[in-house]
Each structure stands twice: as structure tokens, then as C-alpha cells.
Amino acid sequence: MEFAGLREDAAHLRATFQLSERRACGLVGIAVSTFRYQRADTDERLRQQLIDLAREKPRYGYRRLQVLLAREGEVVNHKRVWRVYRQAGLSVKRRKRKRLVRVGRPLEAATQANEEWAIDFASDALATGRAIRVLSVVDACTRQCLALEADTSFASRRVTRVLEQAMQEYGWPRRIRCDNGPELTSRHFLAWSVEQKIDLLHIQPGRPMQNGRVESFHGKLRDECLNVSWFAPTKDPS
């Protein structure tokens, strides 16, 4: 600690140059009361308690450990807990976030229908404020919207059901271009694409224009429908 170092400096000056206590403290810039103060070593018990709790809960930070201490009847100031916690080397190590790496797949000219489909979600809200999502499926060649499904949430199985309905009407696509949303990178969706023998073209994160055809469709959808419409929730017929 800083004051502990200053007290040591003052003590060294007194011993070396035979200075008075007041003179030595004035030279290093601390009060005499600070020099004379001797904190009782009461942190050892707290330190051991924190170490024992951290072994049981290795992912708990100092505030959650303080809650556990309180449950055991120990009332300790959070600043003191933080100081002893750090001195004991108990800081929780942050887990390094895995970054998704995708190779860029530039847009390719589609020369026939069902050569490539593009899918993505658009977001909007009901009159009540509840968020909704709109799943769009667009043919890259004809630019026809093959499916347009709206709901408050979409699981990957719901996405594949929408695609299968479109496939029954329009035929099987050779490949599907999409982003890296959880619905489109799930095990179910990946296994489904392998089973259907459809190539998946995942765009790079943060590069929506690599899926520019469906983004262009969403621009028109928003201008002509979402931004000019007021959607009310459907009443339960029961």
C-alpha cells in the first residue's frame, strides 16, 4: 500500500539521520498520526474465508462472495472485501469470447430459378410494443418472394418448416445464403441442410450486403408495408 511505503521511508530517515518523528514525516509528506497508526492484522481470517468460499464457487466475484459471508453472519464492508479479495489473488478470470470466423462469399450471378435462395429476418413491433420478426425467403434469380412468415419468435425448426413449404411449391434450391443468426447456425439447421443436400452460404459477420438481395427486398418491405402499417395483436378466438 502507498501509506505503508511512506511509513517505511519515514522510519528509514529517522534511523539514518537521527531525525525527529515530526521532521521525518514532514519530509515524506505524511501526518504523524499516519506514521504512528498500526493496523491490526484482522484480514487473515477474512482472507481464509474468502479462499474457502472461492474454492466452492470459483466463478463468484467479490460481491457474490460478500453475500455468502453475510449469510454466515459476517458483516464486512464491500471495500474491505474487495481489497482482501484482490490481495488473495482471487479475481475471476474472464473467459475469452470465441469469435466466429467466416470466409467471405461474394454475391454470384444466378442464371436460373432455385439456383440460390436468400433468407433473412426483418424486425418490427406490434401496436402494443411487442417485437415481431419477419422471415423472408427470396429467389436470387427471379427476385420473387417465396415465403414471408411473421411471428414473435422463430426457432430453427420453424425456419426449416417454412423452407420446406416453399420447396414443395417452388422446388429445391441448390444453395441458401444466410447470416450467422442462432436459428441459421444451429445443429438442427445444419443437419437439415445436409439431409436436403443444400449448400449453405453463411456471410461474414457484420457484412449484410453479402446477402444484398434479401436486404434490398427488406428495404421495399419496410417502406411499403412495415413503416406504413399499424399491426394489432390477433385476439384469441377462445
C-alpha atoms as a PDB file:
ATOM      1  CA  MET A   1       0.000   0.000   0.000  1.00  0.00           C
ATOM      2  CA  GLU A   2       1.113   3.636  -0.617  1.00  0.00           C
ATOM      3  CA  PHE A   3       0.942   4.765   3.029  1.00  0.00           C
ATOM      4  CA  ALA A   4       2.824   1.683   4.168  1.00  0.00           C
ATOM      5  CA  GLY A   5       5.671   2.622   1.837  1.00  0.00           C
ATOM      6  CA  LEU A   6       5.710   6.200   3.119  1.00  0.00           C
ATOM      7  CA  ARG A   7       5.827   4.997   6.721  1.00  0.00           C
ATOM      8  CA  GLU A   8       8.803   2.839   5.832  1.00  0.00           C
ATOM      9  CA  ASP A   9      10.519   5.824   4.195  1.00  0.00           C
ATOM     10  CA  ALA A  10       9.907   7.966   7.294  1.00  0.00           C
ATOM     11  CA  ALA A  11      11.235   5.214   9.549  1.00  0.00           C
ATOM     12  CA  HIS A  12      14.331   4.894   7.350  1.00  0.00           C
ATOM     13  CA  LEU A  13      15.002   8.656   7.539  1.00  0.00           C
ATOM     14  CA  ARG A  14      14.681   8.646  11.341  1.00  0.00           C
ATOM     15  CA  ALA A  15      17.070   5.716  11.716  1.00  0.00           C
ATOM     16  CA  THR A  16      19.632   7.023   9.218  1.00  0.00           C
ATOM     17  CA  PHE A  17      19.757  10.734  10.061  1.00  0.00           C
ATOM     18  CA  GLN A  18      18.525  10.674  13.672  1.00  0.00           C
ATOM     19  CA  LEU A  19      15.582  12.896  12.799  1.00  0.00           C
ATOM     20  CA  SER A  20      12.599  13.555  14.941  1.00  0.00           C
ATOM     21  CA  GLU A  21       9.368  11.784  14.172  1.00  0.00           C
ATOM     22  CA  ARG A  22       7.680  15.028  13.083  1.00  0.00           C
ATOM     23  CA  ARG A  23      10.647  16.058  10.886  1.00  0.00           C
ATOM     24  CA  ALA A  24      10.816  12.688   9.117  1.00  0.00           C
ATOM     25  CA  CYS A  25       7.061  12.650   8.480  1.00  0.00           C
ATOM     26  CA  GLY A  26       7.199  16.190   7.089  1.00  0.00           C
ATOM     27  CA  LEU A  27       9.912  15.204   4.605  1.00  0.00           C
ATOM     28  CA  VAL A  28       7.964  12.266   3.164  1.00  0.00           C
ATOM     29  CA  GLY A  29       4.637  14.107   3.290  1.00  0.00           C
ATOM     30  CA  ILE A  30       2.557  12.132   5.781  1.00  0.00           C
ATOM     31  CA  ALA A  31       0.900  13.008   9.078  1.00  0.00           C
ATOM     32  CA  VAL A  32       2.438  11.879  12.350  1.00  0.00           C
ATOM     33  CA  SER A  33      -0.826  10.079  13.190  1.00  0.00           C
ATOM     34  CA  THR A  34      -0.495   8.108   9.962  1.00  0.00           C
ATOM     35  CA  PHE A  35       3.060   7.168  10.829  1.00  0.00           C
ATOM     36  CA  ARG A  36       2.047   6.007  14.286  1.00  0.00           C
ATOM     37  CA  TYR A  37      -1.030   4.092  13.108  1.00  0.00           C
ATOM     38  CA  GLN A  38      -0.614   0.351  13.214  1.00  0.00           C
ATOM     39  CA  ARG A  39      -3.496  -1.570  11.680  1.00  0.00           C
ATOM     40  CA  ALA A  40      -4.285  -4.801  13.436  1.00  0.00           C
ATOM     41  CA  ASP A  41      -3.868  -7.798  11.183  1.00  0.00           C
ATOM     42  CA  THR A  42      -7.525  -8.783  11.184  1.00  0.00           C
ATOM     43  CA  ASP A  43      -7.648  -9.614   7.465  1.00  0.00           C
ATOM     44  CA  GLU A  44      -6.153 -13.101   7.746  1.00  0.00           C
ATOM     45  CA  ARG A  45      -9.392 -14.661   8.940  1.00  0.00           C
ATOM     46  CA  LEU A  46     -11.383 -12.876   6.216  1.00  0.00           C
ATOM     47  CA  ARG A  47      -8.804 -13.887   3.630  1.00  0.00           C
ATOM     48  CA  GLN A  48      -9.135 -17.548   4.580  1.00  0.00           C
ATOM     49  CA  GLN A  49     -12.932 -17.322   4.497  1.00  0.00           C
ATOM     50  CA  LEU A  50     -12.831 -15.837   1.010  1.00  0.00           C
ATOM     51  CA  ILE A  51     -10.405 -18.508  -0.189  1.00  0.00           C
ATOM     52  CA  ASP A  52     -12.632 -21.285   1.175  1.00  0.00           C
ATOM     53  CA  LEU A  53     -15.735 -19.789  -0.437  1.00  0.00           C
ATOM     54  CA  ALA A  54     -13.929 -19.208  -3.735  1.00  0.00           C
ATOM     55  CA  ARG A  55     -12.957 -22.875  -3.854  1.00  0.00           C
ATOM     56  CA  GLU A  56     -16.624 -23.814  -3.554  1.00  0.00           C
ATOM     57  CA  LYS A  57     -17.776 -21.107  -6.002  1.00  0.00           C
ATOM     58  CA  PRO A  58     -14.850 -20.471  -8.381  1.00  0.00           C
ATOM     59  CA  ARG A  59     -16.891 -18.240 -10.731  1.00  0.00           C
ATOM     60  CA  TYR A  60     -18.171 -15.929  -7.979  1.00  0.00           C
ATOM     61  CA  GLY A  61     -16.817 -12.399  -7.801  1.00  0.00           C
ATOM     62  CA  TYR A  62     -16.191 -10.475  -4.598  1.00  0.00           C
ATOM     63  CA  ARG A  63     -19.731  -9.085  -4.347  1.00  0.00           C
ATOM     64  CA  ARG A  64     -21.340 -12.521  -4.530  1.00  0.00           C
ATOM     65  CA  LEU A  65     -18.808 -13.833  -2.028  1.00  0.00           C
ATOM     66  CA  GLN A  66     -19.760 -10.942   0.254  1.00  0.00           C
ATOM     67  CA  VAL A  67     -23.382 -12.145   0.079  1.00  0.00           C
ATOM     68  CA  LEU A  68     -22.234 -15.610   1.156  1.00  0.00           C
ATOM     69  CA  LEU A  69     -20.309 -14.044   4.027  1.00  0.00           C
ATOM     70  CA  ALA A  70     -23.421 -12.153   5.102  1.00  0.00           C
ATOM     71  CA  ARG A  71     -25.387 -15.397   5.129  1.00  0.00           C
ATOM     72  CA  GLU A  72     -22.824 -16.763   7.556  1.00  0.00           C
ATOM     73  CA  GLY A  73     -23.321 -13.732   9.797  1.00  0.00           C
ATOM     74  CA  GLU A  74     -20.181 -11.841   8.739  1.00  0.00           C
ATOM     75  CA  VAL A  75     -20.869  -8.127   8.241  1.00  0.00           C
ATOM     76  CA  VAL A  76     -17.940  -6.795   6.213  1.00  0.00           C
ATOM     77  CA  ASN A  77     -17.626  -3.582   4.227  1.00  0.00           C
ATOM     78  CA  HIS A  78     -17.533  -4.266   0.478  1.00  0.00           C
ATOM     79  CA  LYS A  79     -14.372  -2.165   0.076  1.00  0.00           C
ATOM     80  CA  ARG A  80     -12.553  -4.330   2.568  1.00  0.00           C
ATOM     81  CA  VAL A  81     -13.824  -7.489   0.881  1.00  0.00           C
ATOM     82  CA  TRP A  82     -12.570  -6.164  -2.454  1.00  0.00           C
ATOM     83  CA  ARG A  83      -9.132  -5.304  -1.023  1.00  0.00           C
ATOM     84  CA  VAL A  84      -8.624  -8.681   0.636  1.00  0.00           C
ATOM     85  CA  TYR A  85     -10.119 -10.437  -2.370  1.00  0.00           C
ATOM     86  CA  ARG A  86      -7.543  -8.878  -4.691  1.00  0.00           C
ATOM     87  CA  GLN A  87      -4.639  -9.370  -2.300  1.00  0.00           C
ATOM     88  CA  ALA A  88      -5.524 -13.071  -2.164  1.00  0.00           C
ATOM     89  CA  GLY A  89      -5.383 -13.263  -5.951  1.00  0.00           C
ATOM     90  CA  LEU A  90      -8.990 -14.417  -6.263  1.00  0.00           C
ATOM     91  CA  SER A  91     -10.083 -12.225  -9.178  1.00  0.00           C
ATOM     92  CA  VAL A  92     -12.242 -14.196 -11.589  1.00  0.00           C
ATOM     93  CA  LYS A  93     -10.503 -14.749 -14.905  1.00  0.00           C
ATOM     94  CA  ARG A  94     -12.601 -13.505 -17.790  1.00  0.00           C
ATOM     95  CA  ARG A  95     -13.312 -16.117 -20.395  1.00  0.00           C
ATOM     96  CA  LYS A  96     -12.128 -15.126 -23.828  1.00  0.00           C
ATOM     97  CA  ARG A  97     -15.057 -14.856 -26.176  1.00  0.00           C
ATOM     98  CA  LYS A  98     -14.873 -17.021 -29.245  1.00  0.00           C
ATOM     99  CA  ARG A  99     -15.137 -15.023 -32.408  1.00  0.00           C
ATOM    100  CA  LEU A 100     -16.966 -16.516 -35.358  1.00  0.00           C
ATOM    101  CA  VAL A 101     -14.747 -16.605 -38.449  1.00  0.00           C
ATOM    102  CA  ARG A 102     -16.385 -16.868 -41.857  1.00  0.00           C
ATOM    103  CA  VAL A 103     -14.798 -16.719 -45.270  1.00  0.00           C
ATOM    104  CA  GLY A 104     -16.464 -14.088 -47.421  1.00  0.00           C
ATOM    105  CA  ARG A 105     -18.804 -15.419 -50.101  1.00  0.00           C
ATOM    106  CA  PRO A 106     -19.413 -12.617 -52.601  1.00  0.00           C
ATOM    107  CA  LEU A 107     -22.681 -12.439 -54.469  1.00  0.00           C
ATOM    108  CA  GLU A 108     -22.716 -14.537 -57.606  1.00  0.00           C
ATOM    109  CA  ALA A 109     -24.967 -14.020 -60.605  1.00  0.00           C
ATOM    110  CA  ALA A 110     -27.851 -16.507 -60.528  1.00  0.00           C
ATOM    111  CA  THR A 111     -28.951 -17.588 -64.010  1.00  0.00           C
ATOM    112  CA  GLN A 112     -31.988 -19.693 -63.172  1.00  0.00           C
ATOM    113  CA  ALA A 113     -34.659 -20.105 -60.556  1.00  0.00           C
ATOM    114  CA  ASN A 114     -33.821 -22.166 -57.460  1.00  0.00           C
ATOM    115  CA  GLU A 115     -30.097 -21.780 -58.069  1.00  0.00           C
ATOM    116  CA  GLU A 116     -29.817 -19.758 -54.869  1.00  0.00           C
ATOM    117  CA  TRP A 117     -32.270 -18.648 -52.205  1.00  0.00           C
ATOM    118  CA  ALA A 118     -31.580 -15.809 -49.781  1.00  0.00           C
ATOM    119  CA  ILE A 119     -33.159 -15.784 -46.327  1.00  0.00           C
ATOM    120  CA  ASP A 120     -33.083 -13.268 -43.500  1.00  0.00           C
ATOM    121  CA  PHE A 121     -35.176 -11.687 -40.740  1.00  0.00           C
ATOM    122  CA  ALA A 122     -36.684  -8.199 -40.544  1.00  0.00           C
ATOM    123  CA  SER A 123     -37.771  -6.744 -37.216  1.00  0.00           C
ATOM    124  CA  ASP A 124     -40.812  -4.653 -36.309  1.00  0.00           C
ATOM    125  CA  ALA A 125     -43.283  -4.234 -33.451  1.00  0.00           C
ATOM    126  CA  LEU A 126     -46.998  -4.565 -32.795  1.00  0.00           C
ATOM    127  CA  ALA A 127     -49.185  -1.704 -31.623  1.00  0.00           C
ATOM    128  CA  THR A 128     -48.690  -2.991 -28.078  1.00  0.00           C
ATOM    129  CA  GLY A 129     -44.918  -2.616 -28.417  1.00  0.00           C
ATOM    130  CA  ARG A 130     -44.222  -6.331 -28.579  1.00  0.00           C
ATOM    131  CA  ALA A 131     -41.397  -7.145 -31.003  1.00  0.00           C
ATOM    132  CA  ILE A 132     -42.036  -9.332 -34.027  1.00  0.00           C
ATOM    133  CA  ARG A 133     -39.787 -10.860 -36.664  1.00  0.00           C
ATOM    134  CA  VAL A 134     -40.493 -11.448 -40.328  1.00  0.00           C
ATOM    135  CA  LEU A 135     -38.745 -14.310 -42.134  1.00  0.00           C
ATOM    136  CA  SER A 136     -38.222 -13.655 -45.847  1.00  0.00           C
ATOM    137  CA  VAL A 137     -37.201 -16.164 -48.500  1.00  0.00           C
ATOM    138  CA  VAL A 138     -36.172 -14.634 -51.843  1.00  0.00           C
ATOM    139  CA  ASP A 139     -35.056 -16.307 -55.063  1.00  0.00           C
ATOM    140  CA  ALA A 140     -31.729 -14.781 -56.128  1.00  0.00           C
ATOM    141  CA  CYS A 141     -32.532 -15.025 -59.858  1.00  0.00           C
ATOM    142  CA  THR A 142     -36.201 -14.116 -60.164  1.00  0.00           C
ATOM    143  CA  ARG A 143     -36.200 -11.898 -57.019  1.00  0.00           C
ATOM    144  CA  GLN A 144     -39.550 -13.474 -56.164  1.00  0.00           C
ATOM    145  CA  CYS A 145     -40.510 -13.646 -52.500  1.00  0.00           C
ATOM    146  CA  LEU A 146     -41.118 -17.351 -51.957  1.00  0.00           C
ATOM    147  CA  ALA A 147     -42.141 -17.119 -48.288  1.00  0.00           C
ATOM    148  CA  LEU A 148     -42.974 -14.383 -45.820  1.00  0.00           C
ATOM    149  CA  GLU A 149     -43.642 -15.526 -42.278  1.00  0.00           C
ATOM    150  CA  ALA A 150     -44.185 -13.296 -39.239  1.00  0.00           C
ATOM    151  CA  ASP A 151     -44.160 -14.219 -35.558  1.00  0.00           C
ATOM    152  CA  THR A 152     -42.837 -13.076 -32.203  1.00  0.00           C
ATOM    153  CA  SER A 153     -40.002 -15.632 -32.320  1.00  0.00           C
ATOM    154  CA  PHE A 154     -38.507 -18.208 -34.647  1.00  0.00           C
ATOM    155  CA  ALA A 155     -36.831 -21.447 -33.676  1.00  0.00           C
ATOM    156  CA  SER A 156     -34.653 -23.237 -36.211  1.00  0.00           C
ATOM    157  CA  ARG A 157     -37.306 -25.951 -36.686  1.00  0.00           C
ATOM    158  CA  ARG A 158     -39.841 -23.258 -37.576  1.00  0.00           C
ATOM    159  CA  VAL A 159     -37.419 -21.905 -40.186  1.00  0.00           C
ATOM    160  CA  THR A 160     -36.962 -25.310 -41.800  1.00  0.00           C
ATOM    161  CA  ARG A 161     -40.734 -25.864 -41.873  1.00  0.00           C
ATOM    162  CA  VAL A 162     -41.202 -22.577 -43.750  1.00  0.00           C
ATOM    163  CA  LEU A 163     -38.463 -23.555 -46.190  1.00  0.00           C
ATOM    164  CA  GLU A 164     -39.954 -26.998 -46.751  1.00  0.00           C
ATOM    165  CA  GLN A 165     -43.341 -25.466 -47.547  1.00  0.00           C
ATOM    166  CA  ALA A 166     -41.697 -23.169 -50.099  1.00  0.00           C
ATOM    167  CA  MET A 167     -39.744 -26.092 -51.551  1.00  0.00           C
ATOM    168  CA  GLN A 168     -42.909 -28.110 -52.053  1.00  0.00           C
ATOM    169  CA  GLU A 169     -44.347 -25.249 -54.106  1.00  0.00           C
ATOM    170  CA  TYR A 170     -41.315 -23.951 -55.975  1.00  0.00           C
ATOM    171  CA  GLY A 171     -38.785 -26.807 -55.929  1.00  0.00           C
ATOM    172  CA  TRP A 172     -35.478 -27.465 -54.156  1.00  0.00           C
ATOM    173  CA  PRO A 173     -32.756 -24.767 -54.159  1.00  0.00           C
ATOM    174  CA  ARG A 174     -29.130 -25.665 -54.811  1.00  0.00           C
ATOM    175  CA  ARG A 175     -27.852 -23.325 -52.118  1.00  0.00           C
ATOM    176  CA  ILE A 176     -29.160 -20.954 -49.446  1.00  0.00           C
ATOM    177  CA  ARG A 177     -27.456 -17.705 -48.475  1.00  0.00           C
ATOM    178  CA  CYS A 178     -27.985 -16.515 -44.903  1.00  0.00           C
ATOM    179  CA  ASP A 179     -26.354 -14.718 -41.986  1.00  0.00           C
ATOM    180  CA  ASN A 180     -24.992 -16.203 -38.753  1.00  0.00           C
ATOM    181  CA  GLY A 181     -28.048 -15.938 -36.523  1.00  0.00           C
ATOM    182  CA  PRO A 182     -28.575 -18.691 -33.944  1.00  0.00           C
ATOM    183  CA  GLU A 183     -31.529 -20.092 -35.912  1.00  0.00           C
ATOM    184  CA  LEU A 184     -29.358 -20.443 -39.014  1.00  0.00           C
ATOM    185  CA  THR A 185     -26.264 -21.912 -37.358  1.00  0.00           C
ATOM    186  CA  SER A 186     -27.969 -24.400 -35.044  1.00  0.00           C
ATOM    187  CA  ARG A 187     -27.255 -28.107 -35.245  1.00  0.00           C
ATOM    188  CA  HIS A 188     -30.768 -28.757 -36.481  1.00  0.00           C
ATOM    189  CA  PHE A 189     -30.476 -26.277 -39.352  1.00  0.00           C
ATOM    190  CA  LEU A 190     -27.041 -27.533 -40.396  1.00  0.00           C
ATOM    191  CA  ALA A 191     -28.158 -31.171 -40.261  1.00  0.00           C
ATOM    192  CA  TRP A 192     -31.310 -30.317 -42.206  1.00  0.00           C
ATOM    193  CA  SER A 193     -29.291 -28.684 -44.998  1.00  0.00           C
ATOM    194  CA  VAL A 194     -27.059 -31.770 -45.267  1.00  0.00           C
ATOM    195  CA  GLU A 195     -30.091 -34.049 -45.351  1.00  0.00           C
ATOM    196  CA  GLN A 196     -31.704 -31.929 -48.082  1.00  0.00           C
ATOM    197  CA  LYS A 197     -28.368 -31.709 -49.972  1.00  0.00           C
ATOM    198  CA  ILE A 198     -28.454 -27.913 -49.951  1.00  0.00           C
ATOM    199  CA  ASP A 199     -25.260 -25.864 -49.697  1.00  0.00           C
ATOM    200  CA  LEU A 200     -25.283 -23.154 -47.035  1.00  0.00           C
ATOM    201  CA  LEU A 201     -23.514 -19.874 -47.764  1.00  0.00           C
ATOM    202  CA  HIS A 202     -23.042 -18.052 -44.456  1.00  0.00           C
ATOM    203  CA  ILE A 203     -21.969 -14.453 -44.914  1.00  0.00           C
ATOM    204  CA  GLN A 204     -19.249 -12.804 -42.838  1.00  0.00           C
ATOM    205  CA  PRO A 205     -20.425 -11.247 -39.543  1.00  0.00           C
ATOM    206  CA  GLY A 206     -21.064  -7.537 -39.945  1.00  0.00           C
ATOM    207  CA  ARG A 207     -21.298  -7.750 -43.754  1.00  0.00           C
ATOM    208  CA  PRO A 208     -25.060  -7.681 -44.501  1.00  0.00           C
ATOM    209  CA  MET A 209     -24.504  -6.646 -48.109  1.00  0.00           C
ATOM    210  CA  GLN A 210     -23.057 -10.079 -48.800  1.00  0.00           C
ATOM    211  CA  ASN A 211     -26.745 -11.008 -48.616  1.00  0.00           C
ATOM    212  CA  GLY A 212     -27.750  -7.905 -50.547  1.00  0.00           C
ATOM    213  CA  ARG A 213     -30.665  -9.396 -52.486  1.00  0.00           C
ATOM    214  CA  VAL A 214     -32.782 -10.096 -49.435  1.00  0.00           C
ATOM    215  CA  GLU A 215     -31.600  -6.836 -47.835  1.00  0.00           C
ATOM    216  CA  SER A 216     -32.904  -4.994 -50.901  1.00  0.00           C
ATOM    217  CA  PHE A 217     -36.228  -6.808 -50.571  1.00  0.00           C
ATOM    218  CA  HIS A 218     -36.401  -5.865 -46.889  1.00  0.00           C
ATOM    219  CA  GLY A 219     -35.911  -2.212 -47.818  1.00  0.00           C
ATOM    220  CA  LYS A 220     -39.005  -2.345 -50.019  1.00  0.00           C
ATOM    221  CA  LEU A 221     -40.895  -4.408 -47.426  1.00  0.00           C
ATOM    222  CA  ARG A 222     -40.191  -1.798 -44.773  1.00  0.00           C
ATOM    223  CA  ASP A 223     -41.049   1.198 -46.975  1.00  0.00           C
ATOM    224  CA  GLU A 224     -44.230  -0.233 -48.456  1.00  0.00           C
ATOM    225  CA  CYS A 225     -45.571  -2.328 -45.582  1.00  0.00           C
ATOM    226  CA  LEU A 226     -43.932  -2.235 -42.156  1.00  0.00           C
ATOM    227  CA  ASN A 227     -43.439   1.529 -41.873  1.00  0.00           C
ATOM    228  CA  VAL A 228     -46.946   2.389 -43.103  1.00  0.00           C
ATOM    229  CA  SER A 229     -48.891  -0.269 -41.221  1.00  0.00           C
ATOM    230  CA  TRP A 230     -50.110  -0.468 -37.630  1.00  0.00           C
ATOM    231  CA  PHE A 231     -50.247  -4.106 -36.534  1.00  0.00           C
ATOM    232  CA  ALA A 232     -52.605  -5.102 -33.745  1.00  0.00           C
ATOM    233  CA  PRO A 233     -52.222  -8.451 -31.972  1.00  0.00           C
ATOM    234  CA  THR A 234     -54.693 -11.130 -33.039  1.00  0.00           C
ATOM    235  CA  LYS A 235     -57.403 -11.754 -30.466  1.00  0.00           C
ATOM    236  CA  ASP A 236     -57.694 -15.241 -29.053  1.00  0.00           C
ATOM    237  CA  PRO A 237     -60.870 -16.780 -30.618  1.00  0.00           C
ATOM    238  CA  SER A 238     -61.494 -18.717 -27.433  1.00  0.00           C
END
